Amino acid sequence: MRGSSPTLRKRRLVSELRRLREVAGLTIEEVGERLECSASKISRIETGRVGVSPRDVRDMLTAYGADAATLDELVQLAREARRKAWWDEFGDIVPGRYVGYEADADSIRTYQGLMIPGLLQCEAYTRALISQVLPDARTAEIDRRVRLRKARQALLSEDDPLRLHVVIDEAALRRLVGGAEVMRVQMARLLEVGALPNVTMQVVPFSAGGHAAMDGPFVILSFPEQLDSDVVYIESTRSGVYLEQQSDVHSYAEMFERLVSSAQTPRESVTLITEIARTLA
């Protein structure tokens, strides 16, 4: 069930803890003094950098003067946030927070300029890409990364599938990752996934010139519950940035709409991908 993973539960929990502290009119330092712990611990809890135990939640809410119903609800949320998720076993190779958000999202809008988005990659492309980006990676690690990517891609074919709107730069289609044969298979994969009713795929052609997302790739994740606001994820080589401020999310949503306007229609994009596939035959 979307929206019920430990990742999103933790996000809801720390957001509510921060809100209740502010309602109580307390600073982080004052909470630390009352609970006889460091202010940095409270800060790390509120920013989601560390886990929070049910006991911590109970102590914090008592300090905030929360009612019994709120206390019970958030203590239960803390228990649920500590559950293990299937992606935890891959925590050493991928940010579990992002995979958790992705698993909970009911829709994703994303732009990728240099490579095929992970949810749309065929296995051969994924293996070639990982081998080139991580030249020291052993076969076992590559196998694990491929297995994780396939598990993520399953979101598109569930009974209640993820809705995906993806915009890809033509450069990603033309770049011969793994060689012509791998790219031919990849083009077929794009056409296959792009035909799914829950997937909208558009290409920004070279002829469009400059466009709104020239700065780089991004992902906008939306969730089924209104209380879970949208998140923007910007990936980098060593880490990722999560933007949750409403102004930041709004800016990226507007950017995505401008990008969609400059891209080819889904039908035109299928034609372009088909033409590129023919050149690879």
Protein backbone atom coordinates (compact mmCIF):
# COMPACT_ATOMS: atom_id res chain seq x y z
CA MET A 1 0.00 0.00 0.00
CA ARG A 2 1.49 3.32 -1.08
CA GLY A 3 2.17 5.87 1.61
CA SER A 4 2.79 3.26 4.32
CA SER A 5 6.53 2.61 4.06
CA PRO A 6 8.87 3.33 6.98
CA THR A 7 10.48 6.11 4.93
CA LEU A 8 7.34 8.16 4.53
CA ARG A 9 6.20 7.36 8.07
CA LYS A 10 9.46 8.84 9.36
CA ARG A 11 9.00 11.94 7.22
CA ARG A 12 5.50 12.49 8.62
CA LEU A 13 6.73 11.90 12.16
CA VAL A 14 9.63 14.35 12.16
CA SER A 15 7.52 16.98 10.42
CA GLU A 16 4.85 16.69 13.10
CA LEU A 17 7.41 16.76 15.91
CA ARG A 18 8.87 19.97 14.52
CA ARG A 19 5.40 21.52 14.14
CA LEU A 20 4.36 20.63 17.68
CA ARG A 21 7.59 22.07 19.12
CA GLU A 22 6.94 25.33 17.30
CA VAL A 23 3.31 25.39 18.50
CA ALA A 24 4.60 24.92 22.05
CA GLY A 25 6.85 27.96 21.54
CA LEU A 26 10.03 26.08 22.39
CA THR A 27 13.46 26.33 20.78
CA ILE A 28 15.58 23.30 20.03
CA GLU A 29 17.94 24.36 22.81
CA GLU A 30 15.09 24.58 25.34
CA VAL A 31 13.88 21.11 24.40
CA GLY A 32 17.40 19.74 24.85
CA GLU A 33 17.57 21.27 28.31
CA ARG A 34 14.21 19.81 29.34
CA LEU A 35 15.08 16.34 28.09
CA GLU A 36 18.68 16.53 29.31
CA CYS A 37 20.13 15.85 25.88
CA SER A 38 22.02 17.90 23.33
CA ALA A 39 20.26 20.38 21.08
CA SER A 40 22.04 18.72 18.15
CA LYS A 41 20.16 15.47 18.87
CA ILE A 42 16.81 17.26 18.63
CA SER A 43 17.98 18.96 15.44
CA ARG A 44 19.07 15.66 13.88
CA ILE A 45 15.72 14.10 14.78
CA GLU A 46 13.75 16.96 13.24
CA THR A 47 15.79 16.87 10.03
CA GLY A 48 15.49 13.10 9.72
CA ARG A 49 19.22 12.49 9.92
CA VAL A 50 18.82 10.02 12.78
CA GLY A 51 16.11 7.64 13.82
CA VAL A 52 13.74 8.44 16.65
CA SER A 53 12.60 5.88 19.19
CA PRO A 54 9.07 5.66 20.58
CA ARG A 55 10.52 6.68 23.96
CA ASP A 56 12.11 9.81 22.43
CA VAL A 57 8.77 10.70 20.86
CA ARG A 58 6.94 10.22 24.15
CA ASP A 59 9.44 12.40 26.02
CA MET A 60 9.33 15.16 23.39
CA LEU A 61 5.55 15.24 23.21
CA THR A 62 5.30 15.37 26.99
CA ALA A 63 7.57 18.41 26.93
CA TYR A 64 5.34 19.97 24.26
CA GLY A 65 2.17 19.38 26.26
CA ALA A 66 0.57 17.20 23.59
CA ASP A 67 -2.71 15.49 24.37
CA ALA A 68 -2.98 11.73 24.92
CA ALA A 69 -4.47 11.01 21.48
CA THR A 70 -1.62 12.82 19.70
CA LEU A 71 0.93 11.06 21.88
CA ASP A 72 -0.50 7.62 21.10
CA GLU A 73 -0.72 8.37 17.37
CA LEU A 74 2.86 9.59 17.03
CA VAL A 75 4.35 6.87 19.23
CA GLN A 76 2.69 4.33 16.94
CA LEU A 77 4.06 6.22 13.93
CA ALA A 78 7.53 5.98 15.48
CA ARG A 79 7.17 2.20 15.78
CA GLU A 80 6.10 1.93 12.13
CA ALA A 81 8.98 4.18 11.02
CA ARG A 82 11.47 1.72 12.53
CA ARG A 83 10.25 -1.25 10.46
CA LYS A 84 12.57 -2.79 7.91
CA ALA A 85 11.85 -2.23 4.20
CA TRP A 86 12.84 -4.42 1.27
CA TRP A 87 15.34 -1.83 0.04
CA ASP A 88 17.29 -1.76 3.31
CA GLU A 89 19.55 -4.53 2.05
CA PHE A 90 20.75 -2.16 -0.68
CA GLY A 91 21.53 0.69 1.70
CA ASP A 92 25.23 0.52 0.93
CA ILE A 93 24.74 1.23 -2.80
CA VAL A 94 21.70 3.51 -3.00
CA PRO A 95 20.06 6.20 -0.83
CA GLY A 96 17.29 4.28 0.91
CA ARG A 97 15.40 7.50 1.54
CA TYR A 98 14.92 8.07 -2.19
CA VAL A 99 13.92 4.49 -2.93
CA GLY A 100 11.41 4.70 -0.09
CA TYR A 101 9.91 7.91 -1.44
CA GLU A 102 9.76 6.40 -4.93
CA ALA A 103 7.98 3.30 -3.62
CA ASP A 104 5.42 5.47 -1.81
CA ALA A 105 4.82 7.95 -4.64
CA ASP A 106 1.69 7.70 -6.73
CA SER A 107 3.17 9.92 -9.45
CA ILE A 108 6.61 11.04 -10.56
CA ARG A 109 7.67 13.80 -12.95
CA THR A 110 11.28 13.62 -14.02
CA TYR A 111 13.78 15.01 -16.51
CA GLN A 112 17.02 13.35 -17.56
CA GLY A 113 19.46 14.88 -20.01
CA LEU A 114 22.50 12.61 -20.24
CA MET A 115 21.23 9.09 -19.68
CA ILE A 116 18.08 7.02 -19.87
CA PRO A 117 16.10 7.32 -16.59
CA GLY A 118 16.60 4.31 -14.31
CA LEU A 119 12.95 3.24 -14.37
CA LEU A 120 13.14 2.91 -18.17
CA GLN A 121 16.51 1.21 -18.59
CA CYS A 122 16.95 -2.25 -20.05
CA GLU A 123 19.34 -4.57 -18.21
CA ALA A 124 22.13 -4.37 -20.78
CA TYR A 125 22.08 -0.56 -20.66
CA THR A 126 22.13 -0.58 -16.85
CA ARG A 127 25.12 -2.94 -16.77
CA ALA A 128 27.04 -0.89 -19.34
CA LEU A 129 26.27 2.35 -17.55
CA ILE A 130 27.33 1.08 -14.12
CA SER A 131 30.53 -0.39 -15.56
CA GLN A 132 31.44 3.00 -17.06
CA VAL A 133 30.43 5.17 -14.10
CA LEU A 134 31.92 2.76 -11.52
CA PRO A 135 34.87 1.14 -13.32
CA ASP A 136 36.09 -0.57 -10.13
CA ALA A 137 32.74 -2.19 -9.36
CA ARG A 138 32.91 -5.97 -9.14
CA THR A 139 30.46 -8.24 -10.93
CA ALA A 140 28.62 -9.01 -7.68
CA GLU A 141 28.03 -5.32 -7.01
CA ILE A 142 26.82 -4.71 -10.54
CA ASP A 143 24.45 -7.66 -10.19
CA ARG A 144 23.03 -6.18 -6.99
CA ARG A 145 22.53 -2.79 -8.61
CA VAL A 146 20.74 -4.41 -11.54
CA ARG A 147 18.53 -6.39 -9.16
CA LEU A 148 17.62 -3.21 -7.30
CA ARG A 149 16.80 -1.36 -10.51
CA LYS A 150 14.52 -4.17 -11.66
CA ALA A 151 12.72 -4.11 -8.31
CA ARG A 152 12.17 -0.38 -8.70
CA GLN A 153 10.94 -0.80 -12.27
CA ALA A 154 8.25 -3.19 -11.04
CA LEU A 155 6.41 -0.12 -9.71
CA LEU A 156 5.31 0.60 -13.28
CA SER A 157 3.53 -2.72 -13.75
CA GLU A 158 1.77 -3.24 -10.39
CA ASP A 159 -2.02 -3.55 -10.15
CA ASP A 160 -2.06 0.08 -9.00
CA PRO A 161 0.97 1.29 -10.94
CA LEU A 162 3.10 4.34 -10.45
CA ARG A 163 2.18 7.18 -12.83
CA LEU A 164 5.32 8.38 -14.56
CA HIS A 165 5.77 11.47 -16.73
CA VAL A 166 9.30 11.50 -18.08
CA VAL A 167 11.07 14.00 -20.33
CA ILE A 168 14.34 12.87 -21.90
CA ASP A 169 16.84 14.96 -23.84
CA GLU A 170 17.64 13.65 -27.30
CA ALA A 171 21.28 13.53 -26.22
CA ALA A 172 20.49 10.60 -23.90
CA LEU A 173 19.01 8.69 -26.84
CA ARG A 174 21.97 9.34 -29.12
CA ARG A 175 24.73 8.52 -26.64
CA LEU A 176 25.97 4.98 -27.38
CA VAL A 177 26.15 3.58 -23.86
CA GLY A 178 27.34 -0.02 -24.30
CA GLY A 179 27.40 0.26 -28.09
CA ALA A 180 24.86 0.21 -30.89
CA GLU A 181 23.35 -3.19 -30.06
CA VAL A 182 22.70 -2.26 -26.43
CA MET A 183 21.11 1.02 -27.54
CA ARG A 184 18.91 -0.79 -30.03
CA VAL A 185 17.56 -2.95 -27.22
CA GLN A 186 17.20 0.17 -25.09
CA MET A 187 15.13 1.93 -27.74
CA ALA A 188 12.83 -1.09 -27.88
CA ARG A 189 12.50 -0.93 -24.09
CA LEU A 190 11.54 2.75 -24.27
CA LEU A 191 8.86 2.04 -26.85
CA GLU A 192 7.52 -0.83 -24.75
CA VAL A 193 7.33 1.08 -21.47
CA GLY A 194 6.21 4.27 -23.18
CA ALA A 195 3.11 2.44 -24.44
CA LEU A 196 1.91 1.74 -20.88
CA PRO A 197 -1.21 3.76 -19.98
CA ASN A 198 0.43 5.05 -16.77
CA VAL A 199 3.55 6.33 -18.57
CA THR A 200 3.88 9.60 -20.49
CA MET A 201 7.18 9.90 -22.34
CA GLN A 202 8.43 12.97 -24.17
CA VAL A 203 11.71 13.86 -25.85
CA VAL A 204 13.29 17.30 -26.03
CA PRO A 205 14.86 17.30 -29.53
CA PHE A 206 18.09 19.05 -30.42
CA SER A 207 16.03 21.35 -32.62
CA ALA A 208 14.37 22.83 -29.51
CA GLY A 209 17.66 24.53 -28.63
CA GLY A 210 18.04 25.63 -25.02
CA HIS A 211 15.33 24.62 -22.58
CA ALA A 212 14.17 25.09 -18.97
CA ALA A 213 16.13 22.18 -17.50
CA MET A 214 19.58 22.83 -18.93
CA ASP A 215 20.91 22.96 -15.34
CA GLY A 216 20.47 19.22 -14.92
CA PRO A 217 18.18 16.31 -14.06
CA PHE A 218 15.58 16.30 -11.30
CA VAL A 219 12.67 14.27 -9.96
CA ILE A 220 9.40 15.53 -8.48
CA LEU A 221 7.65 12.93 -6.31
CA SER A 222 3.97 13.24 -5.35
CA PHE A 223 2.22 11.07 -2.78
CA PRO A 224 -1.34 9.78 -2.36
CA GLU A 225 -2.04 11.53 0.96
CA GLN A 226 -2.46 15.32 1.04
CA LEU A 227 -0.52 15.56 4.29
CA ASP A 228 2.55 14.25 2.42
CA SER A 229 3.71 17.22 0.37
CA ASP A 230 5.68 16.85 -2.86
CA VAL A 231 9.46 16.38 -2.77
CA VAL A 232 12.06 17.37 -5.36
CA TYR A 233 15.11 15.14 -5.59
CA ILE A 234 18.32 16.26 -7.29
CA GLU A 235 20.92 13.52 -7.64
CA SER A 236 24.66 14.07 -7.64
CA THR A 237 27.58 11.69 -7.92
CA ARG A 238 28.14 11.25 -4.19
CA SER A 239 24.81 12.22 -2.64
CA GLY A 240 21.40 13.67 -3.32
CA VAL A 241 19.54 16.82 -2.34
CA TYR A 242 15.91 16.81 -1.20
CA LEU A 243 13.91 20.03 -1.57
CA GLU A 244 10.70 20.18 0.45
CA GLN A 245 10.02 23.89 0.81
CA GLN A 246 6.84 24.78 -1.06
CA SER A 247 8.58 27.57 -2.98
CA ASP A 248 11.31 25.19 -4.22
CA VAL A 249 8.82 22.51 -5.26
CA HIS A 250 6.69 25.11 -7.05
CA SER A 251 9.73 26.38 -8.97
CA TYR A 252 10.59 22.89 -10.21
CA ALA A 253 6.97 22.14 -11.06
CA GLU A 254 6.87 25.27 -13.20
CA MET A 255 10.19 24.31 -14.77
CA PHE A 256 8.79 20.89 -15.65
CA GLU A 257 5.73 22.46 -17.30
CA ARG A 258 7.96 24.70 -19.44
CA LEU A 259 10.03 21.65 -20.31
CA VAL A 260 6.93 19.71 -21.36
CA SER A 261 5.90 22.61 -23.60
CA SER A 262 9.25 22.61 -25.42
CA ALA A 263 9.37 18.82 -25.80
CA GLN A 264 7.83 16.77 -28.55
CA THR A 265 4.40 15.26 -27.96
CA PRO A 266 4.37 11.62 -26.85
CA ARG A 267 3.45 10.54 -30.38
CA GLU A 268 6.21 12.63 -31.95
CA SER A 269 8.64 11.26 -29.35
CA VAL A 270 7.76 7.67 -30.31
CA THR A 271 8.47 8.56 -33.94
CA LEU A 272 11.88 10.01 -33.05
CA ILE A 273 12.82 7.00 -30.90
CA THR A 274 11.77 4.66 -33.71
CA GLU A 275 13.91 6.61 -36.18
CA ILE A 276 16.92 6.44 -33.87
CA ALA A 277 16.37 2.69 -33.43
CA ARG A 278 16.48 2.24 -37.22
CA THR A 279 19.89 3.93 -37.39
CA LEU A 280 21.17 1.37 -34.86
CA ALA A 281 19.98 -1.70 -36.78
